Protein backbone atom coordinates (compact mmCIF):
# COMPACT_ATOMS: atom_id res chain seq x y z
CA MET A 1 144.24 173.04 107.29
CA LEU A 2 145.99 176.00 108.70
CA ALA A 3 146.44 179.00 106.47
CA ALA A 4 150.17 178.92 105.34
CA GLY A 5 150.06 182.71 104.17
CA PRO A 6 150.16 184.22 100.91
CA LYS A 7 151.81 182.31 98.16
CA ARG A 8 155.14 183.49 96.72
CA ARG A 9 154.77 184.64 93.20
CA ALA A 10 156.55 182.53 90.58
CA VAL A 11 159.43 184.41 88.87
CA PRO A 12 159.11 183.86 85.08
CA GLU A 13 161.93 182.44 83.10
CA ILE A 14 162.73 184.36 80.07
CA PRO A 15 164.99 183.34 77.20
CA ALA A 16 168.04 185.55 76.90
CA GLU A 17 167.60 186.42 73.31
CA PRO A 18 169.85 189.05 71.70
CA ASP A 19 168.69 192.66 72.21
CA LEU A 20 166.35 191.89 75.20
CA VAL A 21 166.92 194.82 77.65
CA VAL A 22 167.27 193.94 81.28
CA GLU A 23 168.67 195.34 84.49
CA ASP A 24 171.05 193.99 87.12
CA PRO A 25 169.45 195.32 90.30
CA ALA A 26 172.63 194.64 92.50
CA SER A 27 174.77 197.03 90.33
CA GLY A 28 172.27 198.99 88.47
CA PHE A 29 173.70 198.00 85.09
CA CYS A 30 170.93 198.22 82.28
CA GLY A 31 171.74 196.79 78.90
CA ALA A 32 170.88 194.59 75.93
CA VAL A 33 171.77 190.86 75.80
CA LEU A 34 174.54 190.21 73.38
CA ARG A 35 175.10 186.64 73.86
CA VAL A 36 175.10 183.74 76.50
CA GLU A 37 178.56 182.42 77.45
CA GLY A 38 178.21 179.13 79.21
CA ALA A 39 176.41 180.00 82.56
CA ASN A 40 176.73 183.74 82.05
CA VAL A 41 175.13 186.57 79.83
CA VAL A 42 176.89 189.44 78.23
CA LEU A 43 174.99 192.73 78.44
CA GLU A 44 175.79 196.00 76.58
CA ASP A 45 174.68 199.33 77.85
CA ARG A 46 173.82 202.34 75.48
CA HIS A 47 177.26 203.54 75.74
CA GLY A 48 178.71 200.38 74.42
CA ARG A 49 180.08 199.19 77.73
CA GLN A 50 179.72 195.36 78.06
CA ARG A 51 179.63 193.35 81.37
CA LEU A 52 179.33 189.65 82.13
CA PHE A 53 176.57 188.24 84.53
CA PRO A 54 175.90 184.88 85.87
CA LEU A 55 172.45 183.22 85.03
CA ARG A 56 171.20 183.30 88.58
CA PRO A 57 167.47 182.77 89.35
CA ALA A 58 165.48 186.01 89.58
CA ALA A 59 168.77 187.96 89.26
CA PHE A 60 167.46 190.54 86.60
CA LEU A 61 164.73 193.03 86.26
CA LEU A 62 162.48 193.13 83.06
CA ASP A 63 160.20 196.15 82.86
CA GLY A 64 160.77 196.55 86.64
CA GLN A 65 159.91 193.07 87.49
CA PRO A 66 162.21 190.21 88.60
CA VAL A 67 162.86 187.53 85.97
CA THR A 68 165.18 184.59 85.43
CA LEU A 69 167.10 184.77 82.27
CA VAL A 70 167.75 181.17 80.76
CA LYS A 71 169.66 179.96 77.72
CA PRO A 72 167.49 180.19 74.48
CA VAL A 73 166.29 177.11 73.03
CA ALA A 74 168.14 176.55 69.81
CA VAL A 75 165.88 176.02 66.81
CA PRO A 76 167.64 173.56 64.41
CA VAL A 77 168.29 175.33 61.25
CA LYS A 78 170.39 173.90 58.44
CA PRO A 79 172.97 176.45 57.47
CA THR A 80 173.72 177.12 53.95
CA ALA A 81 177.29 178.29 54.55
CA SER A 82 179.98 176.95 56.88
CA ALA A 83 181.67 179.10 59.59
CA SER A 84 184.23 180.08 56.98
CA GLY A 85 181.52 181.53 54.69
CA SER A 86 182.05 178.59 51.97
CA VAL A 87 178.97 176.55 50.91
CA ARG A 88 178.21 174.01 53.28
CA VAL A 89 178.21 170.43 51.63
CA GLU A 90 175.42 168.20 53.05
CA GLY A 91 175.51 164.29 53.08
CA VAL A 92 179.27 163.90 52.24
CA ARG A 93 181.38 162.02 54.44
CA ALA A 94 184.71 163.38 55.27
CA LYS A 95 187.54 162.33 52.83
CA THR A 96 190.35 159.90 53.93
CA ALA A 97 192.93 162.07 55.13
CA ALA A 98 195.18 163.43 52.36
CA ALA A 99 198.90 163.39 52.23
CA SER A 100 198.91 167.26 52.41
CA ARG A 101 199.20 168.91 55.61
CA ILE A 102 198.57 172.24 57.16
CA TRP A 103 200.81 173.13 60.11
CA VAL A 104 200.19 175.57 62.77
CA GLU A 105 202.23 176.73 65.84
CA GLY A 106 200.15 175.61 68.67
CA ILE A 107 196.98 173.89 69.90
CA HIS A 108 195.04 177.10 70.14
CA ASP A 109 195.99 177.80 66.44
CA ALA A 110 194.49 174.27 65.49
CA GLU A 111 191.36 174.79 67.45
CA LEU A 112 190.72 178.05 66.04
CA VAL A 113 191.22 176.81 62.45
CA GLU A 114 188.98 173.92 63.40
CA ARG A 115 186.33 176.10 64.70
CA VAL A 116 186.07 178.16 61.30
CA TRP A 117 187.28 175.97 58.45
CA GLY A 118 186.65 172.44 60.10
CA HIS A 119 183.83 171.75 57.61
CA ASP A 120 185.96 172.75 54.43
CA LEU A 121 189.00 170.75 55.81
CA ARG A 122 186.93 167.50 56.44
CA VAL A 123 185.34 167.72 52.93
CA GLU A 124 188.89 168.02 51.41
CA GLY A 125 190.43 165.54 53.67
CA VAL A 126 193.16 168.10 54.98
CA VAL A 127 194.56 167.56 58.45
CA VAL A 128 195.68 170.40 60.52
CA GLU A 129 198.72 169.62 62.88
CA PRO A 130 200.16 171.75 65.71
CA LEU A 131 203.99 172.05 65.79
CA ASP A 132 204.53 173.43 69.26
CA GLY A 133 206.55 176.24 67.85
CA ILE A 134 208.52 176.82 64.77
CA ASP A 135 212.14 177.00 65.96
CA ALA A 136 212.99 173.91 64.03
CA LEU A 137 210.69 174.57 60.91
CA ALA A 138 213.37 174.02 58.16
CA GLU A 139 214.25 170.67 59.67
CA ARG A 140 210.69 169.58 60.14
CA VAL A 141 209.84 170.59 56.45
CA ALA A 142 212.87 168.54 55.26
CA GLY A 143 211.68 165.54 57.39
CA PHE A 144 208.27 165.79 55.68
CA GLY A 145 209.55 165.70 52.23
CA PRO A 146 207.05 167.68 50.40
CA GLY A 147 206.13 166.99 46.73
CA ALA A 148 203.51 167.86 44.30
CA ARG A 149 201.21 165.33 45.68
CA TRP A 150 201.73 165.93 49.22
CA ARG A 151 202.04 169.78 49.58
CA LEU A 152 202.55 171.53 52.93
CA GLY A 153 201.04 174.65 54.19
CA VAL A 154 202.46 176.40 57.25
CA LEU A 155 200.61 179.39 59.42
CA VAL A 156 202.84 181.27 61.47
CA ASP A 157 202.10 183.96 64.12
CA HIS A 158 203.80 187.42 64.23
CA LEU A 159 205.10 187.05 60.69
CA VAL A 160 206.18 190.71 60.23
CA VAL A 161 209.57 192.30 58.90
CA GLY A 162 212.35 191.82 61.25
CA SER A 163 210.58 189.37 63.51
CA LYS A 164 212.33 186.05 64.62
CA GLU A 165 209.58 184.28 62.83
CA SER A 166 210.41 186.08 59.67
CA ARG A 167 214.09 185.11 59.88
CA ILE A 168 213.05 181.34 60.47
CA VAL A 169 210.53 181.36 57.61
CA ALA A 170 213.16 182.79 55.17
CA GLY A 171 215.05 179.58 55.58
CA VAL A 172 212.12 177.45 54.16
CA VAL A 173 212.06 177.69 50.26
CA HIS A 174 210.50 174.74 48.43
CA PRO A 175 207.85 174.99 45.47
CA ASP A 176 205.39 172.67 47.35
CA VAL A 177 205.56 174.54 50.59
CA LEU A 178 203.60 177.71 51.33
CA VAL A 179 204.11 179.77 54.54
CA THR A 180 201.50 182.37 55.34
CA GLY A 181 201.00 184.22 58.53
CA HIS A 182 199.48 187.24 60.33
CA PRO A 183 200.94 190.23 62.25
CA TYR A 184 199.58 189.44 65.60
CA VAL A 185 201.89 188.39 68.50
CA ASP A 186 199.44 185.53 69.41
CA ILE A 187 196.55 183.84 67.64
CA TRP A 188 194.26 185.26 70.33
CA GLN A 189 194.92 188.70 69.03
CA ALA A 190 193.58 187.78 65.64
CA VAL A 191 190.03 187.44 67.11
CA LYS A 192 188.22 190.79 67.03
CA PRO A 193 188.22 192.32 70.46
CA ALA A 194 184.44 192.97 70.21
CA SER A 195 183.89 189.08 69.50
CA VAL A 196 185.06 188.31 73.03
CA GLY A 197 183.29 191.35 74.85
CA ILE A 198 186.26 193.77 75.11
CA ARG A 199 187.18 197.09 73.59
CA GLU A 200 190.74 196.22 72.54
CA TRP A 201 193.46 193.87 73.53
CA PRO A 202 195.63 195.02 76.12
CA VAL A 203 199.26 196.05 75.56
CA VAL A 204 201.74 193.57 77.47
CA PRO A 205 205.28 194.75 78.13
CA LEU A 206 207.97 193.10 76.28
CA GLY A 207 209.46 190.18 78.14
CA GLN A 208 206.29 189.19 79.86
CA ASP A 209 204.25 186.10 78.54
CA TRP A 210 201.54 187.56 76.41
CA LYS A 211 198.78 185.29 77.50
CA THR A 212 199.41 185.69 81.07
CA GLY A 213 199.71 189.57 80.93
CA VAL A 214 196.24 189.69 78.88
CA CYS A 215 194.61 187.37 81.32
CA ALA A 216 195.73 189.43 84.32
CA GLU A 217 194.79 192.71 82.90
CA LEU A 218 191.37 191.41 81.88
CA GLY A 219 190.52 189.30 85.02
CA TRP A 220 190.40 186.23 83.07
CA GLY A 221 192.25 184.11 85.44
CA GLU A 222 194.62 181.52 84.12
CA PRO A 223 195.33 181.23 80.31
CA ALA A 224 193.48 178.12 79.96
CA ALA A 225 190.38 179.98 81.19
CA GLY A 226 191.06 182.85 79.16
CA TRP A 227 191.48 180.82 75.91
CA ARG A 228 188.03 179.20 76.57
CA ARG A 229 186.54 182.78 76.65
CA VAL A 230 188.33 183.57 73.32
CA LEU A 231 187.24 180.41 71.40
CA SER A 232 183.68 180.71 72.82
CA GLY A 233 183.41 184.11 71.14
CA VAL A 234 184.36 182.84 67.62
CA ARG A 235 181.22 181.64 65.53
CA GLY A 236 182.75 182.28 62.12
CA PHE A 237 185.20 184.13 59.93
CA ARG A 238 183.61 187.38 60.65
CA ASP A 239 184.84 187.16 64.06
CA LEU A 240 188.50 187.09 63.01
CA GLU A 241 190.69 189.85 61.78
CA THR A 242 191.15 189.91 57.76
CA PRO A 243 194.95 189.09 57.92
CA LEU A 244 194.26 185.57 59.44
CA VAL A 245 191.32 184.78 57.26
CA GLY A 246 193.25 185.45 54.14
CA ALA A 247 196.22 183.57 55.34
CA VAL A 248 194.41 180.42 56.17
CA GLU A 249 192.19 180.55 52.89
CA ARG A 250 195.52 180.67 50.88
CA LEU A 251 196.91 177.64 52.66
CA ILE A 252 193.66 175.71 52.10
CA ASP A 253 193.74 176.51 48.46
CA PHE A 254 197.37 175.76 48.20
CA VAL A 255 197.26 172.18 49.87
CA THR A 256 193.95 171.28 47.92
CA VAL A 257 195.19 172.10 44.28
CA GLY A 258 193.98 169.21 42.14
CA SER A 259 191.89 167.43 44.73
CA ARG A 260 188.77 168.96 43.40
CA GLU A 261 189.22 167.68 40.02
């Protein structure tokens, strides 16, 4: 056999575990692993700056040597608490949907509520429905016909004094309807910036679509791609701002009164 020359040294694969310190040789950025997002890893340097890098073969240096970062293998552990912080109920099938409902403004609101409170809602048999806006809220409530055994909870964005939303909500008065909300322009803003790898949410000029402006400022592409980034950064209630957590918890308590007895 003819000599084929020296063999190339195999580059080791290293799980991208949190706090593992690596360097991106192309940019010189050195930081600790925060998390893996799809096919990318988020690193944070000692100054608190965060950057997103693709998980490419031999793309990083560990102690000066090339390595390939790979997604950590998840060790199955039965959680004792749900994403909302409540006690996880094991071995219980979701209840048949109750008559009571929680309404939210849009599909992103519904997906975020499901991400954090999905376990609780399935145990209680509560369905969350997106409204596609609240301009016709009073008419929708009248059509639902709330009562003591079919209560209605409504989660509203930007519920602050003097807003359009506050004026709409003022027209909904019923003992079996509870409207709560948060002060943020959009449900995205109720996610803590650090959870999505940014220092703060950009300020979008009035008159410009908020999601489009945010994605343009952060280089996130179209809003659909931006939402995937936001949702992937939410693992539980600690990733959300307190006003949203309190608003949703009050709605769940309101629509499940009597169902636990």
